[in-house]
Amino acid sequence: MDAIASRIIKARQYAAERDKRLWFNTFKVKIQGEHSDHYVCYDQGAWDCDCEEFQRRSICAHVMAMEEILGEAVEPAMLPIPG
C-alpha cells in the first residue's frame, strides 16, 4: 500500500473515532447571526461570545450551537446558577 493511501485510511479512522481522538483546546469562530455576526471563542474549557446575551448570562445561542456541533470534543459551558 502506498503512503498516500495509508494516510487516507488513517485520516478516515481518526474522523470515525473522533469522540475518543479529538479535543479542542483553543479556537475562535464567526457565527453569522440573524442581525449581525458574532465571535465565539473557546480557550481551555472557557467559552466567550461578544453578544449581549453572553455578557449578561455567560451563555447564549451561539455558544450552545458550537457545543452541539462539536459535541464531546469541547467542555460544556457552565450554566449560570439562578439566583
N, C-alpha and C. Protein backbone atom coordinates (compact mmCIF):
# COMPACT_ATOMS: atom_id res chain seq x y z
N MET A 1 0.86 -1.18 0.00
CA MET A 1 0.00 0.00 0.00
C MET A 1 0.91 1.24 0.00
N ASP A 2 0.60 2.18 -0.86
CA ASP A 2 1.46 3.37 -0.90
C ASP A 2 1.16 4.32 0.26
N ALA A 3 2.06 5.27 0.47
CA ALA A 3 1.98 6.16 1.63
C ALA A 3 0.71 7.01 1.64
N ILE A 4 0.28 7.48 0.48
CA ILE A 4 -0.91 8.34 0.43
C ILE A 4 -2.16 7.54 0.79
N ALA A 5 -2.28 6.35 0.27
CA ALA A 5 -3.43 5.52 0.59
C ALA A 5 -3.47 5.21 2.08
N SER A 6 -2.31 4.94 2.67
CA SER A 6 -2.22 4.68 4.10
C SER A 6 -2.66 5.89 4.91
N ARG A 7 -2.26 7.07 4.49
CA ARG A 7 -2.66 8.30 5.19
C ARG A 7 -4.16 8.55 5.09
N ILE A 8 -4.73 8.26 3.93
CA ILE A 8 -6.18 8.43 3.76
C ILE A 8 -6.93 7.49 4.69
N ILE A 9 -6.49 6.24 4.79
CA ILE A 9 -7.13 5.27 5.68
C ILE A 9 -7.02 5.74 7.12
N LYS A 10 -5.84 6.22 7.51
CA LYS A 10 -5.64 6.70 8.89
C LYS A 10 -6.51 7.92 9.16
N ALA A 11 -6.63 8.83 8.21
CA ALA A 11 -7.46 10.02 8.37
C ALA A 11 -8.92 9.63 8.56
N ARG A 12 -9.39 8.68 7.79
CA ARG A 12 -10.77 8.22 7.94
C ARG A 12 -11.00 7.55 9.29
N GLN A 13 -10.00 6.82 9.77
CA GLN A 13 -10.10 6.20 11.09
C GLN A 13 -10.20 7.28 12.17
N TYR A 14 -9.35 8.29 12.11
CA TYR A 14 -9.39 9.38 13.08
C TYR A 14 -10.75 10.08 13.06
N ALA A 15 -11.26 10.33 11.87
CA ALA A 15 -12.55 11.01 11.75
C ALA A 15 -13.68 10.14 12.31
N ALA A 16 -13.63 8.86 12.07
CA ALA A 16 -14.66 7.95 12.55
C ALA A 16 -14.60 7.78 14.08
N GLU A 17 -13.41 7.94 14.65
CA GLU A 17 -13.23 7.77 16.09
C GLU A 17 -13.03 9.11 16.79
N ARG A 18 -13.65 10.16 16.27
CA ARG A 18 -13.40 11.50 16.80
C ARG A 18 -13.78 11.66 18.26
N ASP A 19 -14.76 10.88 18.74
CA ASP A 19 -15.16 11.00 20.15
C ASP A 19 -14.06 10.56 21.11
N LYS A 20 -13.10 9.77 20.65
CA LYS A 20 -12.00 9.38 21.54
C LYS A 20 -10.64 9.84 21.03
N ARG A 21 -10.60 10.62 19.96
CA ARG A 21 -9.33 11.07 19.41
C ARG A 21 -9.21 12.58 19.26
N LEU A 22 -10.31 13.30 19.38
CA LEU A 22 -10.31 14.72 19.03
C LEU A 22 -10.84 15.57 20.17
N TRP A 23 -10.03 16.55 20.63
CA TRP A 23 -10.43 17.51 21.65
C TRP A 23 -9.89 18.87 21.24
N PHE A 24 -10.73 19.87 21.33
CA PHE A 24 -10.31 21.23 21.01
C PHE A 24 -9.72 21.88 22.25
N ASN A 25 -8.64 22.63 22.06
CA ASN A 25 -8.04 23.40 23.14
C ASN A 25 -8.42 24.87 23.02
N THR A 26 -8.25 25.43 21.83
CA THR A 26 -8.49 26.85 21.61
C THR A 26 -9.00 27.06 20.18
N PHE A 27 -10.02 27.90 20.04
CA PHE A 27 -10.45 28.31 18.71
C PHE A 27 -11.28 29.58 18.80
N LYS A 28 -11.44 30.24 17.67
CA LYS A 28 -12.32 31.39 17.54
C LYS A 28 -13.09 31.19 16.24
N VAL A 29 -14.40 31.36 16.32
CA VAL A 29 -15.25 31.14 15.15
C VAL A 29 -16.23 32.29 15.00
N LYS A 30 -16.51 32.64 13.77
CA LYS A 30 -17.51 33.67 13.49
C LYS A 30 -18.81 32.97 13.14
N ILE A 31 -19.88 33.37 13.82
CA ILE A 31 -21.21 32.84 13.54
C ILE A 31 -22.04 33.98 12.95
N GLN A 32 -22.63 33.72 11.80
CA GLN A 32 -23.48 34.73 11.17
C GLN A 32 -24.84 34.67 11.83
N GLY A 33 -25.14 35.69 12.63
CA GLY A 33 -26.42 35.77 13.31
C GLY A 33 -27.49 36.34 12.40
N GLU A 34 -28.69 36.41 12.91
CA GLU A 34 -29.79 36.96 12.12
C GLU A 34 -29.63 38.45 11.88
N HIS A 35 -29.03 39.16 12.85
CA HIS A 35 -28.88 40.61 12.73
C HIS A 35 -27.44 41.05 12.52
N SER A 36 -26.50 40.28 13.04
CA SER A 36 -25.08 40.62 12.87
C SER A 36 -24.24 39.37 13.14
N ASP A 37 -22.96 39.47 12.83
CA ASP A 37 -22.04 38.37 13.09
C ASP A 37 -21.58 38.42 14.54
N HIS A 38 -21.28 37.26 15.08
CA HIS A 38 -20.77 37.17 16.45
C HIS A 38 -19.56 36.25 16.47
N TYR A 39 -18.64 36.54 17.37
CA TYR A 39 -17.43 35.74 17.52
C TYR A 39 -17.50 34.96 18.81
N VAL A 40 -17.35 33.65 18.68
CA VAL A 40 -17.32 32.74 19.81
C VAL A 40 -15.89 32.25 19.97
N CYS A 41 -15.39 32.33 21.20
CA CYS A 41 -14.04 31.87 21.50
C CYS A 41 -14.10 30.76 22.52
N TYR A 42 -13.17 29.84 22.40
CA TYR A 42 -13.05 28.74 23.34
C TYR A 42 -11.57 28.61 23.68
N ASP A 43 -11.26 28.60 24.97
CA ASP A 43 -9.86 28.51 25.39
C ASP A 43 -9.75 27.65 26.64
N GLN A 44 -9.25 26.45 26.48
CA GLN A 44 -9.01 25.53 27.60
C GLN A 44 -10.25 25.35 28.47
N GLY A 45 -11.40 25.17 27.85
CA GLY A 45 -12.63 24.92 28.57
C GLY A 45 -13.45 26.16 28.91
N ALA A 46 -12.92 27.34 28.62
CA ALA A 46 -13.64 28.59 28.90
C ALA A 46 -14.23 29.15 27.62
N TRP A 47 -15.51 29.42 27.64
CA TRP A 47 -16.22 29.97 26.49
C TRP A 47 -16.35 31.49 26.62
N ASP A 48 -16.45 32.17 25.46
CA ASP A 48 -16.73 33.60 25.43
C ASP A 48 -17.43 33.90 24.11
N CYS A 49 -18.32 34.86 24.15
CA CYS A 49 -19.01 35.34 22.95
C CYS A 49 -19.18 36.84 23.09
N ASP A 50 -19.13 37.54 21.97
CA ASP A 50 -19.23 39.00 22.02
C ASP A 50 -20.67 39.52 22.04
N CYS A 51 -21.65 38.62 22.10
CA CYS A 51 -23.04 39.07 22.09
C CYS A 51 -23.48 39.55 23.47
N GLU A 52 -24.53 40.35 23.50
CA GLU A 52 -25.06 40.89 24.76
C GLU A 52 -25.55 39.80 25.70
N GLU A 53 -26.20 38.80 25.15
CA GLU A 53 -26.74 37.72 25.98
C GLU A 53 -25.64 37.02 26.77
N PHE A 54 -24.53 36.73 26.09
CA PHE A 54 -23.43 36.06 26.80
C PHE A 54 -22.84 36.98 27.85
N GLN A 55 -22.73 38.25 27.55
CA GLN A 55 -22.16 39.19 28.51
C GLN A 55 -23.03 39.29 29.77
N ARG A 56 -24.34 39.14 29.62
CA ARG A 56 -25.26 39.20 30.76
C ARG A 56 -25.36 37.88 31.52
N ARG A 57 -25.38 36.77 30.78
CA ARG A 57 -25.73 35.49 31.39
C ARG A 57 -24.64 34.41 31.31
N SER A 58 -23.56 34.68 30.63
CA SER A 58 -22.46 33.71 30.44
C SER A 58 -22.87 32.48 29.64
N ILE A 59 -23.95 32.60 28.88
CA ILE A 59 -24.40 31.55 27.96
C ILE A 59 -25.23 32.23 26.88
N CYS A 60 -25.22 31.67 25.68
CA CYS A 60 -26.01 32.24 24.59
C CYS A 60 -26.23 31.17 23.52
N ALA A 61 -27.09 31.48 22.57
CA ALA A 61 -27.39 30.54 21.50
C ALA A 61 -26.16 30.23 20.65
N HIS A 62 -25.24 31.19 20.53
CA HIS A 62 -24.04 30.97 19.71
C HIS A 62 -23.13 29.91 20.34
N VAL A 63 -22.92 30.02 21.65
CA VAL A 63 -22.11 29.03 22.37
C VAL A 63 -22.82 27.68 22.36
N MET A 64 -24.12 27.67 22.61
CA MET A 64 -24.86 26.41 22.61
C MET A 64 -24.80 25.73 21.24
N ALA A 65 -24.83 26.51 20.18
CA ALA A 65 -24.73 25.93 18.84
C ALA A 65 -23.37 25.27 18.64
N MET A 66 -22.30 25.93 19.09
CA MET A 66 -20.97 25.35 18.94
C MET A 66 -20.83 24.08 19.78
N GLU A 67 -21.42 24.07 20.97
CA GLU A 67 -21.39 22.85 21.79
C GLU A 67 -22.11 21.70 21.08
N GLU A 68 -23.21 22.01 20.46
CA GLU A 68 -23.96 20.96 19.75
C GLU A 68 -23.18 20.45 18.54
N ILE A 69 -22.54 21.35 17.82
CA ILE A 69 -21.76 20.97 16.64
C ILE A 69 -20.55 20.12 17.04
N LEU A 70 -19.84 20.54 18.08
CA LEU A 70 -18.58 19.89 18.45
C LEU A 70 -18.72 18.74 19.43
N GLY A 71 -19.87 18.63 20.07
CA GLY A 71 -20.13 17.50 20.96
C GLY A 71 -19.11 17.38 22.07
N GLU A 72 -18.62 16.17 22.28
CA GLU A 72 -17.72 15.89 23.39
C GLU A 72 -16.29 16.36 23.16
N ALA A 73 -16.03 16.98 22.02
CA ALA A 73 -14.68 17.48 21.73
C ALA A 73 -14.38 18.77 22.48
N VAL A 74 -15.38 19.32 23.19
CA VAL A 74 -15.19 20.53 24.00
C VAL A 74 -15.86 20.35 25.35
N GLU A 75 -15.40 21.12 26.32
CA GLU A 75 -16.05 21.15 27.63
C GLU A 75 -17.31 22.00 27.51
N PRO A 76 -18.42 21.58 28.10
CA PRO A 76 -19.64 22.39 28.01
C PRO A 76 -19.51 23.68 28.81
N ALA A 77 -20.21 24.70 28.35
CA ALA A 77 -20.25 25.98 29.07
C ALA A 77 -20.94 25.75 30.41
N MET A 78 -20.49 26.43 31.41
CA MET A 78 -21.12 26.34 32.72
C MET A 78 -22.38 27.19 32.70
N LEU A 79 -23.51 26.58 33.00
CA LEU A 79 -24.76 27.34 33.07
C LEU A 79 -24.79 28.15 34.34
N PRO A 80 -25.22 29.41 34.23
CA PRO A 80 -25.30 30.23 35.45
C PRO A 80 -26.34 29.67 36.42
N ILE A 81 -26.06 29.79 37.68
CA ILE A 81 -26.99 29.35 38.71
C ILE A 81 -28.01 30.44 38.95
N PRO A 82 -29.31 30.14 38.79
CA PRO A 82 -30.32 31.18 39.01
C PRO A 82 -30.27 31.68 40.45
N GLY A 83 -30.49 32.97 40.59
CA GLY A 83 -30.47 33.46 41.96
C GLY A 83 -30.82 34.83 42.06
